[in-house]
Amino acid sequence: MGELRHLVLVKFKEGVVVEELLEGMKKLVTEIDAVKGFEWGQDVGSEEMLRQGFTHAFLLTFNCAEDFAAYSNHPSHVAFAGPFAAAIDKILLFQFPPVVIKPSA
């Protein structure tokens, strides 16, 4: 199949210190070699009715499905998943092989 992307859209619970979770996530993805790339961002302009409460997006890139499986089962990911899940009010997960129309220069 080739490269795989893992998209996570999140609405955090009221009062969650998102910056602390982001630091934990940055540490997590840098210590697990299976992660090829990590991007994240916060919504800055979508209308509330269109974003359905989701405020943050996380995109992880893996070379293959096996690397995603290694990441998912890695002890550091398993340990991080508990506190991350406890901070979430709403989540959407989506895995897909990317179809690139215009490669970056």
PDB file of N, CA and C in Angstrom:
ATOM      1  N   MET A   1       0.823  -1.193   0.000  1.00  0.00           N
ATOM      2  CA  MET A   1       0.000   0.000   0.000  1.00  0.00           C
ATOM      3  C   MET A   1       0.867   1.256   0.000  1.00  0.00           C
ATOM      4  N   GLY A   2       2.001   1.257   0.650  1.00  0.00           N
ATOM      5  CA  GLY A   2       2.849   2.440   0.697  1.00  0.00           C
ATOM      6  C   GLY A   2       2.520   3.354   1.860  1.00  0.00           C
ATOM      7  N   GLU A   3       2.814   4.621   1.690  1.00  0.00           N
ATOM      8  CA  GLU A   3       2.666   5.613   2.752  1.00  0.00           C
ATOM      9  C   GLU A   3       1.239   5.645   3.302  1.00  0.00           C
ATOM     10  N   LEU A   4       1.141   5.933   4.620  1.00  0.00           N
ATOM     11  CA  LEU A   4      -0.146   5.992   5.300  1.00  0.00           C
ATOM     12  C   LEU A   4      -0.192   7.252   6.154  1.00  0.00           C
ATOM     13  N   ARG A   5      -1.336   7.917   6.138  1.00  0.00           N
ATOM     14  CA  ARG A   5      -1.554   9.094   6.985  1.00  0.00           C
ATOM     15  C   ARG A   5      -2.599   8.745   8.039  1.00  0.00           C
ATOM     16  N   HIS A   6      -2.397   9.298   9.223  1.00  0.00           N
ATOM     17  CA  HIS A   6      -3.315   9.103  10.355  1.00  0.00           C
ATOM     18  C   HIS A   6      -3.759  10.493  10.799  1.00  0.00           C
ATOM     19  N   LEU A   7      -5.029  10.817  10.539  1.00  0.00           N
ATOM     20  CA  LEU A   7      -5.592  12.127  10.855  1.00  0.00           C
ATOM     21  C   LEU A   7      -6.444  12.014  12.108  1.00  0.00           C
ATOM     22  N   VAL A   8      -6.218  12.930  13.040  1.00  0.00           N
ATOM     23  CA  VAL A   8      -6.974  12.963  14.285  1.00  0.00           C
ATOM     24  C   VAL A   8      -7.547  14.369  14.439  1.00  0.00           C
ATOM     25  N   LEU A   9      -8.876  14.476  14.526  1.00  0.00           N
ATOM     26  CA  LEU A   9      -9.544  15.746  14.808  1.00  0.00           C
ATOM     27  C   LEU A   9     -10.082  15.666  16.223  1.00  0.00           C
ATOM     28  N   VAL A  10      -9.851  16.735  17.001  1.00  0.00           N
ATOM     29  CA  VAL A  10     -10.163  16.676  18.429  1.00  0.00           C
ATOM     30  C   VAL A  10     -10.879  17.939  18.899  1.00  0.00           C
ATOM     31  N   LYS A  11     -11.812  17.724  19.799  1.00  0.00           N
ATOM     32  CA  LYS A  11     -12.379  18.798  20.619  1.00  0.00           C
ATOM     33  C   LYS A  11     -12.012  18.428  22.046  1.00  0.00           C
ATOM     34  N   PHE A  12     -11.198  19.260  22.693  1.00  0.00           N
ATOM     35  CA  PHE A  12     -10.771  18.972  24.057  1.00  0.00           C
ATOM     36  C   PHE A  12     -11.837  19.405  25.060  1.00  0.00           C
ATOM     37  N   LYS A  13     -11.834  18.742  26.209  1.00  0.00           N
ATOM     38  CA  LYS A  13     -12.749  19.100  27.290  1.00  0.00           C
ATOM     39  C   LYS A  13     -12.417  20.491  27.809  1.00  0.00           C
ATOM     40  N   GLU A  14     -13.429  21.139  28.353  1.00  0.00           N
ATOM     41  CA  GLU A  14     -13.275  22.462  28.950  1.00  0.00           C
ATOM     42  C   GLU A  14     -12.227  22.397  30.065  1.00  0.00           C
ATOM     43  N   GLY A  15     -11.314  23.348  30.079  1.00  0.00           N
ATOM     44  CA  GLY A  15     -10.309  23.432  31.126  1.00  0.00           C
ATOM     45  C   GLY A  15      -9.032  22.652  30.876  1.00  0.00           C
ATOM     46  N   VAL A  16      -8.962  21.900  29.793  1.00  0.00           N
ATOM     47  CA  VAL A  16      -7.756  21.137  29.480  1.00  0.00           C
ATOM     48  C   VAL A  16      -6.645  22.090  29.043  1.00  0.00           C
ATOM     49  N   VAL A  17      -5.447  21.874  29.560  1.00  0.00           N
ATOM     50  CA  VAL A  17      -4.285  22.677  29.154  1.00  0.00           C
ATOM     51  C   VAL A  17      -3.680  21.975  27.936  1.00  0.00           C
ATOM     52  N   VAL A  18      -4.090  22.436  26.774  1.00  0.00           N
ATOM     53  CA  VAL A  18      -3.721  21.791  25.520  1.00  0.00           C
ATOM     54  C   VAL A  18      -2.212  21.816  25.310  1.00  0.00           C
ATOM     55  N   GLU A  19      -1.547  22.875  25.725  1.00  0.00           N
ATOM     56  CA  GLU A  19      -0.104  22.997  25.534  1.00  0.00           C
ATOM     57  C   GLU A  19       0.654  21.852  26.193  1.00  0.00           C
ATOM     58  N   GLU A  20       0.194  21.414  27.362  1.00  0.00           N
ATOM     59  CA  GLU A  20       0.844  20.297  28.055  1.00  0.00           C
ATOM     60  C   GLU A  20       0.697  19.012  27.239  1.00  0.00           C
ATOM     61  N   LEU A  21      -0.485  18.775  26.685  1.00  0.00           N
ATOM     62  CA  LEU A  21      -0.691  17.592  25.848  1.00  0.00           C
ATOM     63  C   LEU A  21       0.160  17.662  24.586  1.00  0.00           C
ATOM     64  N   LEU A  22       0.282  18.852  24.020  1.00  0.00           N
ATOM     65  CA  LEU A  22       1.086  19.009  22.813  1.00  0.00           C
ATOM     66  C   LEU A  22       2.555  18.700  23.079  1.00  0.00           C
ATOM     67  N   GLU A  23       3.056  19.108  24.216  1.00  0.00           N
ATOM     68  CA  GLU A  23       4.445  18.799  24.564  1.00  0.00           C
ATOM     69  C   GLU A  23       4.633  17.283  24.678  1.00  0.00           C
ATOM     70  N   GLY A  24       3.662  16.618  25.296  1.00  0.00           N
ATOM     71  CA  GLY A  24       3.729  15.165  25.400  1.00  0.00           C
ATOM     72  C   GLY A  24       3.663  14.495  24.042  1.00  0.00           C
ATOM     73  N   MET A  25       2.839  15.029  23.154  1.00  0.00           N
ATOM     74  CA  MET A  25       2.720  14.445  21.824  1.00  0.00           C
ATOM     75  C   MET A  25       3.992  14.661  21.013  1.00  0.00           C
ATOM     76  N   LYS A  26       4.580  15.852  21.111  1.00  0.00           N
ATOM     77  CA  LYS A  26       5.838  16.124  20.396  1.00  0.00           C
ATOM     78  C   LYS A  26       6.929  15.169  20.866  1.00  0.00           C
ATOM     79  N   LYS A  27       7.009  14.952  22.163  1.00  0.00           N
ATOM     80  CA  LYS A  27       7.998  14.019  22.719  1.00  0.00           C
ATOM     81  C   LYS A  27       7.733  12.605  22.204  1.00  0.00           C
ATOM     82  N   LEU A  28       6.478  12.220  22.202  1.00  0.00           N
ATOM     83  CA  LEU A  28       6.094  10.882  21.763  1.00  0.00           C
ATOM     84  C   LEU A  28       6.515  10.620  20.312  1.00  0.00           C
ATOM     85  N   VAL A  29       6.181  11.527  19.413  1.00  0.00           N
ATOM     86  CA  VAL A  29       6.465  11.277  17.998  1.00  0.00           C
ATOM     87  C   VAL A  29       7.953  11.372  17.676  1.00  0.00           C
ATOM     88  N   THR A  30       8.720  12.103  18.483  1.00  0.00           N
ATOM     89  CA  THR A  30      10.153  12.169  18.217  1.00  0.00           C
ATOM     90  C   THR A  30      10.889  10.929  18.717  1.00  0.00           C
ATOM     91  N   GLU A  31      10.327  10.246  19.697  1.00  0.00           N
ATOM     92  CA  GLU A  31      11.025   9.062  20.228  1.00  0.00           C
ATOM     93  C   GLU A  31      10.620   7.759  19.537  1.00  0.00           C
ATOM     94  N   ILE A  32       9.587   7.789  18.715  1.00  0.00           N
ATOM     95  CA  ILE A  32       9.162   6.577  18.008  1.00  0.00           C
ATOM     96  C   ILE A  32       9.581   6.701  16.544  1.00  0.00           C
ATOM     97  N   ASP A  33      10.549   5.883  16.159  1.00  0.00           N
ATOM     98  CA  ASP A  33      11.119   5.953  14.811  1.00  0.00           C
ATOM     99  C   ASP A  33      10.119   5.664  13.704  1.00  0.00           C
ATOM    100  N   ALA A  34       9.048   4.950  14.004  1.00  0.00           N
ATOM    101  CA  ALA A  34       8.051   4.603  12.980  1.00  0.00           C
ATOM    102  C   ALA A  34       7.327   5.829  12.429  1.00  0.00           C
ATOM    103  N   VAL A  35       7.340   6.941  13.180  1.00  0.00           N
ATOM    104  CA  VAL A  35       6.673   8.163  12.723  1.00  0.00           C
ATOM    105  C   VAL A  35       7.582   8.883  11.739  1.00  0.00           C
ATOM    106  N   LYS A  36       7.105   9.020  10.509  1.00  0.00           N
ATOM    107  CA  LYS A  36       7.865   9.704   9.459  1.00  0.00           C
ATOM    108  C   LYS A  36       7.688  11.219   9.539  1.00  0.00           C
ATOM    109  N   GLY A  37       6.481  11.662   9.905  1.00  0.00           N
ATOM    110  CA  GLY A  37       6.198  13.088   9.992  1.00  0.00           C
ATOM    111  C   GLY A  37       5.044  13.351  10.934  1.00  0.00           C
ATOM    112  N   PHE A  38       5.036  14.546  11.520  1.00  0.00           N
ATOM    113  CA  PHE A  38       3.978  14.955  12.439  1.00  0.00           C
ATOM    114  C   PHE A  38       3.669  16.421  12.217  1.00  0.00           C
ATOM    115  N   GLU A  39       2.403  16.726  11.996  1.00  0.00           N
ATOM    116  CA  GLU A  39       1.942  18.099  11.842  1.00  0.00           C
ATOM    117  C   GLU A  39       0.717  18.275  12.727  1.00  0.00           C
ATOM    118  N   TRP A  40       0.523  19.480  13.204  1.00  0.00           N
ATOM    119  CA  TRP A  40      -0.679  19.751  13.981  1.00  0.00           C
ATOM    120  C   TRP A  40      -1.061  21.211  13.790  1.00  0.00           C
ATOM    121  N   GLY A  41      -2.285  21.515  14.105  1.00  0.00           N
ATOM    122  CA  GLY A  41      -2.744  22.892  14.025  1.00  0.00           C
ATOM    123  C   GLY A  41      -4.076  23.054  14.727  1.00  0.00           C
ATOM    124  N   GLN A  42      -4.394  24.317  14.979  1.00  0.00           N
ATOM    125  CA  GLN A  42      -5.657  24.672  15.618  1.00  0.00           C
ATOM    126  C   GLN A  42      -6.490  25.447  14.615  1.00  0.00           C
ATOM    127  N   ASP A  43      -7.781  25.163  14.567  1.00  0.00           N
ATOM    128  CA  ASP A  43      -8.662  25.847  13.636  1.00  0.00           C
ATOM    129  C   ASP A  43      -8.636  27.353  13.895  1.00  0.00           C
ATOM    130  N   VAL A  44      -8.537  28.114  12.818  1.00  0.00           N
ATOM    131  CA  VAL A  44      -8.438  29.569  12.964  1.00  0.00           C
ATOM    132  C   VAL A  44      -9.538  30.331  12.233  1.00  0.00           C
ATOM    133  N   GLY A  45     -10.486  29.635  11.637  1.00  0.00           N
ATOM    134  CA  GLY A  45     -11.459  30.427  10.916  1.00  0.00           C
ATOM    135  C   GLY A  45     -12.714  29.730  10.447  1.00  0.00           C
ATOM    136  N   SER A  46     -12.829  28.441  10.676  1.00  0.00           N
ATOM    137  CA  SER A  46     -14.036  27.761  10.223  1.00  0.00           C
ATOM    138  C   SER A  46     -15.229  28.187  11.068  1.00  0.00           C
ATOM    139  N   GLU A  47     -16.388  28.229  10.428  1.00  0.00           N
ATOM    140  CA  GLU A  47     -17.608  28.527  11.171  1.00  0.00           C
ATOM    141  C   GLU A  47     -17.911  27.367  12.110  1.00  0.00           C
ATOM    142  N   GLU A  48     -18.399  27.678  13.295  1.00  0.00           N
ATOM    143  CA  GLU A  48     -18.663  26.650  14.312  1.00  0.00           C
ATOM    144  C   GLU A  48     -19.530  25.530  13.764  1.00  0.00           C
ATOM    145  N   MET A  49     -20.554  25.865  13.009  1.00  0.00           N
ATOM    146  CA  MET A  49     -21.448  24.818  12.503  1.00  0.00           C
ATOM    147  C   MET A  49     -20.736  23.888  11.522  1.00  0.00           C
ATOM    148  N   LEU A  50     -19.684  24.373  10.878  1.00  0.00           N
ATOM    149  CA  LEU A  50     -18.958  23.553   9.922  1.00  0.00           C
ATOM    150  C   LEU A  50     -17.895  22.686  10.589  1.00  0.00           C
ATOM    151  N   ARG A  51     -17.274  23.184  11.645  1.00  0.00           N
ATOM    152  CA  ARG A  51     -16.229  22.380  12.290  1.00  0.00           C
ATOM    153  C   ARG A  51     -16.787  21.448  13.358  1.00  0.00           C
ATOM    154  N   GLN A  52     -18.048  21.586  13.683  1.00  0.00           N
ATOM    155  CA  GLN A  52     -18.755  20.690  14.592  1.00  0.00           C
ATOM    156  C   GLN A  52     -18.072  20.546  15.941  1.00  0.00           C
ATOM    157  N   GLY A  53     -17.431  21.598  16.407  1.00  0.00           N
ATOM    158  CA  GLY A  53     -16.801  21.593  17.723  1.00  0.00           C
ATOM    159  C   GLY A  53     -15.344  21.180  17.733  1.00  0.00           C
ATOM    160  N   PHE A  54     -14.864  20.581  16.650  1.00  0.00           N
ATOM    161  CA  PHE A  54     -13.458  20.179  16.597  1.00  0.00           C
ATOM    162  C   PHE A  54     -12.582  21.425  16.538  1.00  0.00           C
ATOM    163  N   THR A  55     -11.509  21.430  17.320  1.00  0.00           N
ATOM    164  CA  THR A  55     -10.642  22.607  17.395  1.00  0.00           C
ATOM    165  C   THR A  55      -9.212  22.342  16.952  1.00  0.00           C
ATOM    166  N   HIS A  56      -8.748  21.111  17.049  1.00  0.00           N
ATOM    167  CA  HIS A  56      -7.359  20.780  16.741  1.00  0.00           C
ATOM    168  C   HIS A  56      -7.278  19.603  15.768  1.00  0.00           C
ATOM    169  N   ALA A  57      -6.266  19.657  14.904  1.00  0.00           N
ATOM    170  CA  ALA A  57      -6.012  18.574  13.960  1.00  0.00           C
ATOM    171  C   ALA A  57      -4.577  18.092  14.132  1.00  0.00           C
ATOM    172  N   PHE A  58      -4.396  16.790  14.083  1.00  0.00           N
ATOM    173  CA  PHE A  58      -3.078  16.162  14.170  1.00  0.00           C
ATOM    174  C   PHE A  58      -2.946  15.223  12.978  1.00  0.00           C
ATOM    175  N   LEU A  59      -1.834  15.326  12.273  1.00  0.00           N
ATOM    176  CA  LEU A  59      -1.608  14.479  11.108  1.00  0.00           C
ATOM    177  C   LEU A  59      -0.258  13.802  11.248  1.00  0.00           C
ATOM    178  N   LEU A  60      -0.277  12.481  11.298  1.00  0.00           N
ATOM    179  CA  LEU A  60       0.946  11.700  11.387  1.00  0.00           C
ATOM    180  C   LEU A  60       1.130  10.945  10.082  1.00  0.00           C
ATOM    181  N   THR A  61       2.372  10.881   9.612  1.00  0.00           N
ATOM    182  CA  THR A  61       2.694  10.174   8.382  1.00  0.00           C
ATOM    183  C   THR A  61       3.591   8.992   8.710  1.00  0.00           C
ATOM    184  N   PHE A  62       3.280   7.866   8.080  1.00  0.00           N
ATOM    185  CA  PHE A  62       4.041   6.633   8.254  1.00  0.00           C
ATOM    186  C   PHE A  62       4.427   6.105   6.884  1.00  0.00           C
ATOM    187  N   ASN A  63       5.543   5.400   6.802  1.00  0.00           N
ATOM    188  CA  ASN A  63       5.980   4.810   5.537  1.00  0.00           C
ATOM    189  C   ASN A  63       5.048   3.705   5.059  1.00  0.00           C
ATOM    190  N   CYS A  64       4.391   3.022   6.016  1.00  0.00           N
ATOM    191  CA  CYS A  64       3.536   1.890   5.664  1.00  0.00           C
ATOM    192  C   CYS A  64       2.619   1.559   6.840  1.00  0.00           C
ATOM    193  N   ALA A  65       1.661   0.688   6.592  1.00  0.00           N
ATOM    194  CA  ALA A  65       0.711   0.284   7.628  1.00  0.00           C
ATOM    195  C   ALA A  65       1.406  -0.415   8.792  1.00  0.00           C
ATOM    196  N   GLU A  66       2.482  -1.131   8.513  1.00  0.00           N
ATOM    197  CA  GLU A  66       3.221  -1.820   9.574  1.00  0.00           C
ATOM    198  C   GLU A  66       3.849  -0.815  10.538  1.00  0.00           C
ATOM    199  N   ASP A  67       4.324   0.314  10.007  1.00  0.00           N
ATOM    200  CA  ASP A  67       4.884   1.351  10.877  1.00  0.00           C
ATOM    201  C   ASP A  67       3.802   1.972  11.754  1.00  0.00           C
ATOM    202  N   PHE A  68       2.600   2.141  11.189  1.00  0.00           N
ATOM    203  CA  PHE A  68       1.491   2.656  11.994  1.00  0.00           C
ATOM    204  C   PHE A  68       1.163   1.670  13.117  1.00  0.00           C
ATOM    205  N   ALA A  69       1.163   0.385  12.799  1.00  0.00           N
ATOM    206  CA  ALA A  69       0.892  -0.638  13.817  1.00  0.00           C
ATOM    207  C   ALA A  69       1.962  -0.614  14.909  1.00  0.00           C
ATOM    208  N   ALA A  70       3.222  -0.445  14.503  1.00  0.00           N
ATOM    209  CA  ALA A  70       4.316  -0.366  15.482  1.00  0.00           C
ATOM    210  C   ALA A  70       4.128   0.845  16.390  1.00  0.00           C
ATOM    211  N   TYR A  71       3.728   1.981  15.824  1.00  0.00           N
ATOM    212  CA  TYR A  71       3.458   3.195  16.603  1.00  0.00           C
ATOM    213  C   TYR A  71       2.295   2.962  17.569  1.00  0.00           C
ATOM    214  N   SER A  72       1.212   2.399  17.063  1.00  0.00           N
ATOM    215  CA  SER A  72       0.012   2.180  17.880  1.00  0.00           C
ATOM    216  C   SER A  72       0.278   1.276  19.071  1.00  0.00           C
ATOM    217  N   ASN A  73       1.156   0.289  18.880  1.00  0.00           N
ATOM    218  CA  ASN A  73       1.443  -0.676  19.941  1.00  0.00           C
ATOM    219  C   ASN A  73       2.669  -0.332  20.778  1.00  0.00           C
ATOM    220  N   HIS A  74       3.355   0.742  20.434  1.00  0.00           N
ATOM    221  CA  HIS A  74       4.561   1.139  21.165  1.00  0.00           C
ATOM    222  C   HIS A  74       4.187   1.488  22.615  1.00  0.00           C
ATOM    223  N   PRO A  75       4.959   1.040  23.587  1.00  0.00           N
ATOM    224  CA  PRO A  75       4.641   1.318  24.995  1.00  0.00           C
ATOM    225  C   PRO A  75       4.472   2.813  25.308  1.00  0.00           C
ATOM    226  N   SER A  76       5.255   3.668  24.675  1.00  0.00           N
ATOM    227  CA  SER A  76       5.117   5.109  24.917  1.00  0.00           C
ATOM    228  C   SER A  76       3.776   5.630  24.409  1.00  0.00           C
ATOM    229  N   HIS A  77       3.326   5.119  23.264  1.00  0.00           N
ATOM    230  CA  HIS A  77       2.022   5.534  22.736  1.00  0.00           C
ATOM    231  C   HIS A  77       0.899   5.025  23.626  1.00  0.00           C
ATOM    232  N   VAL A  78       1.001   3.792  24.059  1.00  0.00           N
ATOM    233  CA  VAL A  78      -0.018   3.213  24.930  1.00  0.00           C
ATOM    234  C   VAL A  78      -0.118   4.031  26.223  1.00  0.00           C
ATOM    235  N   ALA A  79       1.021   4.431  26.790  1.00  0.00           N
ATOM    236  CA  ALA A  79       1.029   5.221  28.027  1.00  0.00           C
ATOM    237  C   ALA A  79       0.444   6.615  27.802  1.00  0.00           C
ATOM    238  N   PHE A  80       0.724   7.209  26.644  1.00  0.00           N
ATOM    239  CA  PHE A  80       0.235   8.556  26.339  1.00  0.00           C
ATOM    240  C   PHE A  80      -1.261   8.550  26.018  1.00  0.00           C
ATOM    241  N   ALA A  81      -1.750   7.470  25.451  1.00  0.00           N
ATOM    242  CA  ALA A  81      -3.137   7.398  24.995  1.00  0.00           C
ATOM    243  C   ALA A  81      -4.142   7.588  26.131  1.00  0.00           C
ATOM    244  N   GLY A  82      -3.829   7.108  27.321  1.00  0.00           N
ATOM    245  CA  GLY A  82      -4.752   7.247  28.451  1.00  0.00           C
ATOM    246  C   GLY A  82      -5.015   8.693  28.820  1.00  0.00           C
ATOM    247  N   PRO A  83      -3.974   9.460  29.157  1.00  0.00           N
ATOM    248  CA  PRO A  83      -4.187  10.865  29.496  1.00  0.00           C
ATOM    249  C   PRO A  83      -4.759  11.680  28.321  1.00  0.00           C
ATOM    250  N   PHE A  84      -4.345  11.349  27.097  1.00  0.00           N
ATOM    251  CA  PHE A  84      -4.867  12.057  25.930  1.00  0.00           C
ATOM    252  C   PHE A  84      -6.367  11.810  25.790  1.00  0.00           C
ATOM    253  N   ALA A  85      -6.785  10.560  25.904  1.00  0.00           N
ATOM    254  CA  ALA A  85      -8.203  10.215  25.788  1.00  0.00           C
ATOM    255  C   ALA A  85      -9.025  10.861  26.895  1.00  0.00           C
ATOM    256  N   ALA A  86      -8.459  10.960  28.085  1.00  0.00           N
ATOM    257  CA  ALA A  86      -9.177  11.564  29.209  1.00  0.00           C
ATOM    258  C   ALA A  86      -9.435  13.055  28.991  1.00  0.00           C
ATOM    259  N   ALA A  87      -8.629  13.693  28.143  1.00  0.00           N
ATOM    260  CA  ALA A  87      -8.757  15.127  27.889  1.00  0.00           C
ATOM    261  C   ALA A  87      -9.710  15.450  26.741  1.00  0.00           C
ATOM    262  N   ILE A  88     -10.206  14.425  26.074  1.00  0.00           N
ATOM    263  CA  ILE A  88     -10.981  14.617  24.849  1.00  0.00           C
ATOM    264  C   ILE A  88     -12.485  14.590  25.107  1.00  0.00           C
ATOM    265  N   ASP A  89     -13.165  15.570  24.527  1.00  0.00           N
ATOM    266  CA  ASP A  89     -14.617  15.618  24.556  1.00  0.00           C
ATOM    267  C   ASP A  89     -15.189  14.926  23.314  1.00  0.00           C
ATOM    268  N   LYS A  90     -14.490  15.091  22.169  1.00  0.00           N
ATOM    269  CA  LYS A  90     -14.969  14.563  20.893  1.00  0.00           C
ATOM    270  C   LYS A  90     -13.758  14.286  20.012  1.00  0.00           C
ATOM    271  N   ILE A  91     -13.780  13.169  19.258  1.00  0.00           N
ATOM    272  CA  ILE A  91     -12.633  12.816  18.431  1.00  0.00           C
ATOM    273  C   ILE A  91     -13.103  12.135  17.141  1.00  0.00           C
ATOM    274  N   LEU A  92     -12.329  12.339  16.094  1.00  0.00           N
ATOM    275  CA  LEU A  92     -12.539  11.662  14.820  1.00  0.00           C
ATOM    276  C   LEU A  92     -11.184  11.185  14.331  1.00  0.00           C
ATOM    277  N   LEU A  93     -11.079   9.897  14.022  1.00  0.00           N
ATOM    278  CA  LEU A  93      -9.843   9.305  13.515  1.00  0.00           C
ATOM    279  C   LEU A  93     -10.066   8.864  12.076  1.00  0.00           C
ATOM    280  N   PHE A  94      -9.022   9.036  11.267  1.00  0.00           N
ATOM    281  CA  PHE A  94      -9.138   8.674   9.852  1.00  0.00           C
ATOM    282  C   PHE A  94      -7.764   8.276   9.351  1.00  0.00           C
ATOM    283  N   GLN A  95      -7.647   7.066   8.800  1.00  0.00           N
ATOM    284  CA  GLN A  95      -6.384   6.609   8.211  1.00  0.00           C
ATOM    285  C   GLN A  95      -6.576   6.455   6.707  1.00  0.00           C
ATOM    286  N   PHE A  96      -5.571   6.914   5.945  1.00  0.00           N
ATOM    287  CA  PHE A  96      -5.706   6.831   4.499  1.00  0.00           C
ATOM    288  C   PHE A  96      -4.347   6.838   3.820  1.00  0.00           C
ATOM    289  N   PRO A  97      -4.259   6.145   2.681  1.00  0.00           N
ATOM    290  CA  PRO A  97      -3.058   6.273   1.856  1.00  0.00           C
ATOM    291  C   PRO A  97      -3.214   7.568   1.046  1.00  0.00           C
ATOM    292  N   PRO A  98      -2.248   8.478   1.112  1.00  0.00           N
ATOM    293  CA  PRO A  98      -2.411   9.760   0.431  1.00  0.00           C
ATOM    294  C   PRO A  98      -2.349   9.624  -1.087  1.00  0.00           C
ATOM    295  N   VAL A  99      -3.146  10.437  -1.743  1.00  0.00           N
ATOM    296  CA  VAL A  99      -3.098  10.581  -3.194  1.00  0.00           C
ATOM    297  C   VAL A  99      -2.622  12.013  -3.434  1.00  0.00           C
ATOM    298  N   VAL A 100      -1.373  12.153  -3.867  1.00  0.00           N
ATOM    299  CA  VAL A 100      -0.773  13.473  -4.033  1.00  0.00           C
ATOM    300  C   VAL A 100      -0.976  13.934  -5.465  1.00  0.00           C
ATOM    301  N   ILE A 101      -1.584  15.083  -5.630  1.00  0.00           N
ATOM    302  CA  ILE A 101      -1.847  15.654  -6.959  1.00  0.00           C
ATOM    303  C   ILE A 101      -0.715  16.580  -7.370  1.00  0.00           C
ATOM    304  N   LYS A 102      -0.219  17.345  -6.415  1.00  0.00           N
ATOM    305  CA  LYS A 102       0.843  18.304  -6.722  1.00  0.00           C
ATOM    306  C   LYS A 102       1.934  18.152  -5.650  1.00  0.00           C
ATOM    307  N   PRO A 103       3.000  17.425  -5.962  1.00  0.00           N
ATOM    308  CA  PRO A 103       4.051  17.225  -4.969  1.00  0.00           C
ATOM    309  C   PRO A 103       4.726  18.543  -4.603  1.00  0.00           C
ATOM    310  N   SER A 104       5.210  18.611  -3.376  1.00  0.00           N
ATOM    311  CA  SER A 104       5.920  19.807  -2.935  1.00  0.00           C
ATOM    312  C   SER A 104       7.273  19.892  -3.622  1.00  0.00           C
ATOM    313  N   ALA A 105       7.736  21.119  -3.777  1.00  0.00           N
ATOM    314  CA  ALA A 105       9.005  21.348  -4.487  1.00  0.00           C
ATOM    315  C   ALA A 105      10.201  21.044  -3.616  1.00  0.00           C
TER     316      ALA A 105
END
